[in-house]
Amino acid sequence: MAKQKLNMKELTTEEIVDKLKEDSAHYTKLKFNHVVTTLENPMTLRRLRRDIARMKTELKVRLTEKQIV
């Protein structure tokens, strides 16, 4: 079952920051668990890492837009 991508444009900056903190903590836990015992689906690490990168990119874009205006 495919998980739909999170649309960053629809979220507020505060929601993105909260989700970023939550996902970063979750990624750290998964990464540690993967070292100790293999995960059922190691592709979740890649998906989560890329989602974190998307959130950071969206925050950076919003910050630069705010500085320009």
PDB file of N, CA and C in Angstrom:
ATOM      1  N   MET A   1       0.844  -1.159   0.000  1.00  0.00           N
ATOM      2  CA  MET A   1       0.000   0.000   0.000  1.00  0.00           C
ATOM      3  C   MET A   1       0.901   1.238   0.000  1.00  0.00           C
ATOM      4  N   ALA A   2       0.774   2.081  -0.981  1.00  0.00           N
ATOM      5  CA  ALA A   2       1.616   3.255  -1.120  1.00  0.00           C
ATOM      6  C   ALA A   2       1.097   4.385  -0.239  1.00  0.00           C
ATOM      7  N   LYS A   3       2.029   5.059   0.415  1.00  0.00           N
ATOM      8  CA  LYS A   3       1.671   6.198   1.245  1.00  0.00           C
ATOM      9  C   LYS A   3       1.753   7.457   0.391  1.00  0.00           C
ATOM     10  N   GLN A   4       0.729   8.294   0.499  1.00  0.00           N
ATOM     11  CA  GLN A   4       0.717   9.510  -0.296  1.00  0.00           C
ATOM     12  C   GLN A   4       1.747  10.500   0.252  1.00  0.00           C
ATOM     13  N   LYS A   5       2.325  11.272  -0.651  1.00  0.00           N
ATOM     14  CA  LYS A   5       3.281  12.278  -0.236  1.00  0.00           C
ATOM     15  C   LYS A   5       2.574  13.387   0.526  1.00  0.00           C
ATOM     16  N   LEU A   6       3.292  13.947   1.453  1.00  0.00           N
ATOM     17  CA  LEU A   6       2.780  15.059   2.227  1.00  0.00           C
ATOM     18  C   LEU A   6       2.956  16.333   1.420  1.00  0.00           C
ATOM     19  N   ASN A   7       1.885  17.078   1.229  1.00  0.00           N
ATOM     20  CA  ASN A   7       1.954  18.304   0.454  1.00  0.00           C
ATOM     21  C   ASN A   7       2.397  19.441   1.372  1.00  0.00           C
ATOM     22  N   MET A   8       3.633  19.861   1.220  1.00  0.00           N
ATOM     23  CA  MET A   8       4.219  20.883   2.090  1.00  0.00           C
ATOM     24  C   MET A   8       3.605  22.259   1.881  1.00  0.00           C
ATOM     25  N   LYS A   9       3.138  22.533   0.685  1.00  0.00           N
ATOM     26  CA  LYS A   9       2.583  23.852   0.377  1.00  0.00           C
ATOM     27  C   LYS A   9       1.317  24.134   1.181  1.00  0.00           C
ATOM     28  N   GLU A  10       0.589  23.095   1.561  1.00  0.00           N
ATOM     29  CA  GLU A  10      -0.669  23.268   2.273  1.00  0.00           C
ATOM     30  C   GLU A  10      -0.480  23.436   3.778  1.00  0.00           C
ATOM     31  N   LEU A  11       0.712  23.089   4.292  1.00  0.00           N
ATOM     32  CA  LEU A  11       0.955  23.166   5.723  1.00  0.00           C
ATOM     33  C   LEU A  11       1.499  24.535   6.102  1.00  0.00           C
ATOM     34  N   THR A  12       1.215  24.933   7.345  1.00  0.00           N
ATOM     35  CA  THR A  12       1.794  26.170   7.847  1.00  0.00           C
ATOM     36  C   THR A  12       3.238  25.900   8.266  1.00  0.00           C
ATOM     37  N   THR A  13       3.975  26.955   8.466  1.00  0.00           N
ATOM     38  CA  THR A  13       5.378  26.813   8.860  1.00  0.00           C
ATOM     39  C   THR A  13       5.494  26.103  10.206  1.00  0.00           C
ATOM     40  N   GLU A  14       4.621  26.423  11.137  1.00  0.00           N
ATOM     41  CA  GLU A  14       4.652  25.780  12.454  1.00  0.00           C
ATOM     42  C   GLU A  14       4.382  24.286  12.353  1.00  0.00           C
ATOM     43  N   GLU A  15       3.439  23.912  11.491  1.00  0.00           N
ATOM     44  CA  GLU A  15       3.137  22.494  11.302  1.00  0.00           C
ATOM     45  C   GLU A  15       4.330  21.756  10.701  1.00  0.00           C
ATOM     46  N   ILE A  16       5.020  22.400   9.774  1.00  0.00           N
ATOM     47  CA  ILE A  16       6.192  21.769   9.167  1.00  0.00           C
ATOM     48  C   ILE A  16       7.296  21.587  10.207  1.00  0.00           C
ATOM     49  N   VAL A  17       7.508  22.596  11.043  1.00  0.00           N
ATOM     50  CA  VAL A  17       8.541  22.503  12.078  1.00  0.00           C
ATOM     51  C   VAL A  17       8.210  21.380  13.055  1.00  0.00           C
ATOM     52  N   ASP A  18       6.952  21.279  13.472  1.00  0.00           N
ATOM     53  CA  ASP A  18       6.540  20.213  14.389  1.00  0.00           C
ATOM     54  C   ASP A  18       6.727  18.838  13.748  1.00  0.00           C
ATOM     55  N   LYS A  19       6.305  18.708  12.494  1.00  0.00           N
ATOM     56  CA  LYS A  19       6.438  17.430  11.791  1.00  0.00           C
ATOM     57  C   LYS A  19       7.910  17.086  11.592  1.00  0.00           C
ATOM     58  N   LEU A  20       8.738  18.086  11.343  1.00  0.00           N
ATOM     59  CA  LEU A  20      10.167  17.872  11.161  1.00  0.00           C
ATOM     60  C   LEU A  20      10.800  17.328  12.441  1.00  0.00           C
ATOM     61  N   LYS A  21      10.461  17.912  13.574  1.00  0.00           N
ATOM     62  CA  LYS A  21      10.986  17.430  14.855  1.00  0.00           C
ATOM     63  C   LYS A  21      10.539  15.998  15.128  1.00  0.00           C
ATOM     64  N   GLU A  22       9.259  15.743  14.876  1.00  0.00           N
ATOM     65  CA  GLU A  22       8.700  14.413  15.107  1.00  0.00           C
ATOM     66  C   GLU A  22       9.364  13.362  14.206  1.00  0.00           C
ATOM     67  N   ASP A  23       9.483  13.675  12.927  1.00  0.00           N
ATOM     68  CA  ASP A  23      10.074  12.734  11.983  1.00  0.00           C
ATOM     69  C   ASP A  23      11.566  12.530  12.222  1.00  0.00           C
ATOM     70  N   SER A  24      12.263  13.577  12.649  1.00  0.00           N
ATOM     71  CA  SER A  24      13.690  13.442  12.943  1.00  0.00           C
ATOM     72  C   SER A  24      13.908  12.497  14.122  1.00  0.00           C
ATOM     73  N   ALA A  25      13.079  12.630  15.147  1.00  0.00           N
ATOM     74  CA  ALA A  25      13.184  11.733  16.301  1.00  0.00           C
ATOM     75  C   ALA A  25      12.852  10.303  15.896  1.00  0.00           C
ATOM     76  N   HIS A  26      11.829  10.149  15.074  1.00  0.00           N
ATOM     77  CA  HIS A  26      11.427   8.821  14.608  1.00  0.00           C
ATOM     78  C   HIS A  26      12.527   8.189  13.750  1.00  0.00           C
ATOM     79  N   TYR A  27      13.167   8.995  12.901  1.00  0.00           N
ATOM     80  CA  TYR A  27      14.247   8.510  12.057  1.00  0.00           C
ATOM     81  C   TYR A  27      15.424   8.026  12.899  1.00  0.00           C
ATOM     82  N   THR A  28      15.743   8.777  13.947  1.00  0.00           N
ATOM     83  CA  THR A  28      16.844   8.381  14.826  1.00  0.00           C
ATOM     84  C   THR A  28      16.557   7.044  15.495  1.00  0.00           C
ATOM     85  N   LYS A  29      15.323   6.865  15.963  1.00  0.00           N
ATOM     86  CA  LYS A  29      14.945   5.605  16.599  1.00  0.00           C
ATOM     87  C   LYS A  29      15.009   4.443  15.608  1.00  0.00           C
ATOM     88  N   LEU A  30      14.474   4.663  14.410  1.00  0.00           N
ATOM     89  CA  LEU A  30      14.498   3.604  13.396  1.00  0.00           C
ATOM     90  C   LEU A  30      15.922   3.239  13.000  1.00  0.00           C
ATOM     91  N   LYS A  31      16.766   4.240  12.871  1.00  0.00           N
ATOM     92  CA  LYS A  31      18.149   4.002  12.487  1.00  0.00           C
ATOM     93  C   LYS A  31      18.864   3.171  13.554  1.00  0.00           C
ATOM     94  N   PHE A  32      18.630   3.495  14.816  1.00  0.00           N
ATOM     95  CA  PHE A  32      19.219   2.716  15.904  1.00  0.00           C
ATOM     96  C   PHE A  32      18.687   1.295  15.903  1.00  0.00           C
ATOM     97  N   ASN A  33      17.380   1.139  15.731  1.00  0.00           N
ATOM     98  CA  ASN A  33      16.787  -0.200  15.705  1.00  0.00           C
ATOM     99  C   ASN A  33      17.319  -1.020  14.541  1.00  0.00           C
ATOM    100  N   HIS A  34      17.597  -0.370  13.434  1.00  0.00           N
ATOM    101  CA  HIS A  34      18.107  -1.073  12.264  1.00  0.00           C
ATOM    102  C   HIS A  34      19.519  -1.602  12.511  1.00  0.00           C
ATOM    103  N   VAL A  35      20.293  -0.890  13.307  1.00  0.00           N
ATOM    104  CA  VAL A  35      21.641  -1.349  13.646  1.00  0.00           C
ATOM    105  C   VAL A  35      21.566  -2.561  14.567  1.00  0.00           C
ATOM    106  N   VAL A  36      20.657  -2.502  15.536  1.00  0.00           N
ATOM    107  CA  VAL A  36      20.539  -3.588  16.508  1.00  0.00           C
ATOM    108  C   VAL A  36      19.908  -4.819  15.868  1.00  0.00           C
ATOM    109  N   THR A  37      18.754  -4.631  15.270  1.00  0.00           N
ATOM    110  CA  THR A  37      18.074  -5.725  14.566  1.00  0.00           C
ATOM    111  C   THR A  37      17.579  -5.176  13.238  1.00  0.00           C
ATOM    112  N   THR A  38      17.577  -5.995  12.227  1.00  0.00           N
ATOM    113  CA  THR A  38      17.162  -5.504  10.912  1.00  0.00           C
ATOM    114  C   THR A  38      15.681  -5.145  10.924  1.00  0.00           C
ATOM    115  N   LEU A  39      15.357  -4.103  10.189  1.00  0.00           N
ATOM    116  CA  LEU A  39      13.969  -3.669  10.084  1.00  0.00           C
ATOM    117  C   LEU A  39      13.220  -4.558   9.107  1.00  0.00           C
ATOM    118  N   GLU A  40      11.913  -4.610   9.284  1.00  0.00           N
ATOM    119  CA  GLU A  40      11.078  -5.381   8.366  1.00  0.00           C
ATOM    120  C   GLU A  40      11.146  -4.783   6.968  1.00  0.00           C
ATOM    121  N   ASN A  41      11.120  -3.457   6.896  1.00  0.00           N
ATOM    122  CA  ASN A  41      11.201  -2.770   5.611  1.00  0.00           C
ATOM    123  C   ASN A  41      12.226  -1.637   5.721  1.00  0.00           C
ATOM    124  N   PRO A  42      13.466  -1.874   5.326  1.00  0.00           N
ATOM    125  CA  PRO A  42      14.495  -0.838   5.455  1.00  0.00           C
ATOM    126  C   PRO A  42      14.283   0.368   4.546  1.00  0.00           C
ATOM    127  N   MET A  43      13.383   0.262   3.586  1.00  0.00           N
ATOM    128  CA  MET A  43      13.097   1.394   2.702  1.00  0.00           C
ATOM    129  C   MET A  43      12.404   2.535   3.460  1.00  0.00           C
ATOM    130  N   THR A  44      11.853   2.244   4.645  1.00  0.00           N
ATOM    131  CA  THR A  44      11.235   3.303   5.438  1.00  0.00           C
ATOM    132  C   THR A  44      12.277   4.336   5.854  1.00  0.00           C
ATOM    133  N   LEU A  45      13.522   3.901   6.067  1.00  0.00           N
ATOM    134  CA  LEU A  45      14.590   4.837   6.406  1.00  0.00           C
ATOM    135  C   LEU A  45      14.811   5.830   5.267  1.00  0.00           C
ATOM    136  N   ARG A  46      14.848   5.330   4.049  1.00  0.00           N
ATOM    137  CA  ARG A  46      15.054   6.199   2.892  1.00  0.00           C
ATOM    138  C   ARG A  46      13.897   7.170   2.720  1.00  0.00           C
ATOM    139  N   ARG A  47      12.677   6.648   2.839  1.00  0.00           N
ATOM    140  CA  ARG A  47      11.496   7.498   2.675  1.00  0.00           C
ATOM    141  C   ARG A  47      11.467   8.599   3.731  1.00  0.00           C
ATOM    142  N   LEU A  48      11.758   8.230   4.964  1.00  0.00           N
ATOM    143  CA  LEU A  48      11.740   9.197   6.056  1.00  0.00           C
ATOM    144  C   LEU A  48      12.849  10.235   5.896  1.00  0.00           C
ATOM    145  N   ARG A  49      14.034   9.788   5.494  1.00  0.00           N
ATOM    146  CA  ARG A  49      15.145  10.712   5.279  1.00  0.00           C
ATOM    147  C   ARG A  49      14.820  11.722   4.177  1.00  0.00           C
ATOM    148  N   ARG A  50      14.190  11.257   3.136  1.00  0.00           N
ATOM    149  CA  ARG A  50      13.832  12.150   2.030  1.00  0.00           C
ATOM    150  C   ARG A  50      12.703  13.103   2.419  1.00  0.00           C
ATOM    151  N   ASP A  51      11.765  12.629   3.219  1.00  0.00           N
ATOM    152  CA  ASP A  51      10.700  13.512   3.709  1.00  0.00           C
ATOM    153  C   ASP A  51      11.279  14.625   4.577  1.00  0.00           C
ATOM    154  N   ILE A  52      12.255  14.281   5.410  1.00  0.00           N
ATOM    155  CA  ILE A  52      12.916  15.276   6.253  1.00  0.00           C
ATOM    156  C   ILE A  52      13.611  16.313   5.372  1.00  0.00           C
ATOM    157  N   ALA A  53      14.273  15.857   4.326  1.00  0.00           N
ATOM    158  CA  ALA A  53      14.953  16.778   3.408  1.00  0.00           C
ATOM    159  C   ALA A  53      13.950  17.690   2.711  1.00  0.00           C
ATOM    160  N   ARG A  54      12.796  17.155   2.328  1.00  0.00           N
ATOM    161  CA  ARG A  54      11.760  17.978   1.686  1.00  0.00           C
ATOM    162  C   ARG A  54      11.256  19.066   2.634  1.00  0.00           C
ATOM    163  N   MET A  55      11.066  18.691   3.902  1.00  0.00           N
ATOM    164  CA  MET A  55      10.595  19.669   4.880  1.00  0.00           C
ATOM    165  C   MET A  55      11.630  20.770   5.093  1.00  0.00           C
ATOM    166  N   LYS A  56      12.906  20.392   5.196  1.00  0.00           N
ATOM    167  CA  LYS A  56      13.956  21.384   5.378  1.00  0.00           C
ATOM    168  C   LYS A  56      14.039  22.310   4.174  1.00  0.00           C
ATOM    169  N   THR A  57      13.877  21.756   2.984  1.00  0.00           N
ATOM    170  CA  THR A  57      13.908  22.568   1.769  1.00  0.00           C
ATOM    171  C   THR A  57      12.756  23.555   1.748  1.00  0.00           C
ATOM    172  N   GLU A  58      11.565  23.100   2.095  1.00  0.00           N
ATOM    173  CA  GLU A  58      10.398  23.978   2.107  1.00  0.00           C
ATOM    174  C   GLU A  58      10.572  25.096   3.132  1.00  0.00           C
ATOM    175  N   LEU A  59      11.130  24.784   4.289  1.00  0.00           N
ATOM    176  CA  LEU A  59      11.375  25.821   5.286  1.00  0.00           C
ATOM    177  C   LEU A  59      12.382  26.843   4.777  1.00  0.00           C
ATOM    178  N   LYS A  60      13.414  26.374   4.100  1.00  0.00           N
ATOM    179  CA  LYS A  60      14.436  27.275   3.550  1.00  0.00           C
ATOM    180  C   LYS A  60      13.836  28.182   2.483  1.00  0.00           C
ATOM    181  N   VAL A  61      12.969  27.627   1.634  1.00  0.00           N
ATOM    182  CA  VAL A  61      12.311  28.425   0.594  1.00  0.00           C
ATOM    183  C   VAL A  61      11.445  29.500   1.228  1.00  0.00           C
ATOM    184  N   ARG A  62      10.695  29.139   2.237  1.00  0.00           N
ATOM    185  CA  ARG A  62       9.822  30.114   2.901  1.00  0.00           C
ATOM    186  C   ARG A  62      10.646  31.205   3.591  1.00  0.00           C
ATOM    187  N   LEU A  63      11.777  30.833   4.157  1.00  0.00           N
ATOM    188  CA  LEU A  63      12.622  31.808   4.823  1.00  0.00           C
ATOM    189  C   LEU A  63      13.193  32.797   3.817  1.00  0.00           C
ATOM    190  N   THR A  64      13.650  32.319   2.676  1.00  0.00           N
ATOM    191  CA  THR A  64      14.216  33.218   1.678  1.00  0.00           C
ATOM    192  C   THR A  64      13.138  34.113   1.064  1.00  0.00           C
ATOM    193  N   GLU A  65      11.937  33.576   0.857  1.00  0.00           N
ATOM    194  CA  GLU A  65      10.841  34.387   0.336  1.00  0.00           C
ATOM    195  C   GLU A  65      10.485  35.498   1.326  1.00  0.00           C
ATOM    196  N   LYS A  66      10.521  35.178   2.592  1.00  0.00           N
ATOM    197  CA  LYS A  66      10.187  36.145   3.623  1.00  0.00           C
ATOM    198  C   LYS A  66      11.234  37.262   3.677  1.00  0.00           C
ATOM    199  N   GLN A  67      12.499  36.902   3.452  1.00  0.00           N
ATOM    200  CA  GLN A  67      13.573  37.904   3.490  1.00  0.00           C
ATOM    201  C   GLN A  67      13.548  38.799   2.266  1.00  0.00           C
ATOM    202  N   ILE A  68      13.136  38.259   1.122  1.00  0.00           N
ATOM    203  CA  ILE A  68      13.101  39.025  -0.112  1.00  0.00           C
ATOM    204  C   ILE A  68      11.987  40.071  -0.064  1.00  0.00           C
ATOM    205  N   VAL A  69      10.858  39.697   0.479  1.00  0.00           N
ATOM    206  CA  VAL A  69       9.705  40.598   0.513  1.00  0.00           C
ATOM    207  C   VAL A  69       9.799  41.554   1.615  1.00  0.00           C
TER     208      VAL A  69
END
